[in-house]
Amino acid sequence: MALPGVQVLFAFLLVAPFNQGFQRVSDFERKLYFATLLCTAVSSILLIAPSMHHRLLFRQGQKPFLVSTANRLTIAGLSMLALAMTGAVLLVTHVLFGAVTAAVTTALVLSVFAAVWIAVPVRRRRHLARASARQAR
């Protein structure tokens, strides 16, 4: 599900330097753009990798390996996507409104990613572990 979003962000980032206004970005914004582009590329690689692994190992009796590896690659890919999206928000906000607004907005975006993508499932995982431990007693 995340892959189309990564691909759209990657396409946007690939064409951005060819727009006339891109020449007016600061050195910081240029470096931030490049870091965001690389995060997006790595995210794409990680999110597409499970499909390639599955194709190469199809009918080889590697289902547990594939499921485990796909899970880790997807978590890593989504983590890179969060960084890429945060970098894109930082870049656009910095260009439009300056450093202070960009810093505040970026901190809020990172907080939402941390809460929704990490804190909620980790909290649920801990709850399930406690419930399982109680049942085992």
Foldseek 3Di string as FASTA:
>chain_A
DCLVVLVVLLVCLVCVCVDPCVVPDDPVLVVLSVLLNVLSVLLNCLQCVLVVVCVVCPPVPCVVVSVVSNVVSNVSSVVSVLVSVLSVQLSVCCVVPNDPRSVVVSVVSVVVCCVPVPVVVVVVVVVVVVVVVVVVD
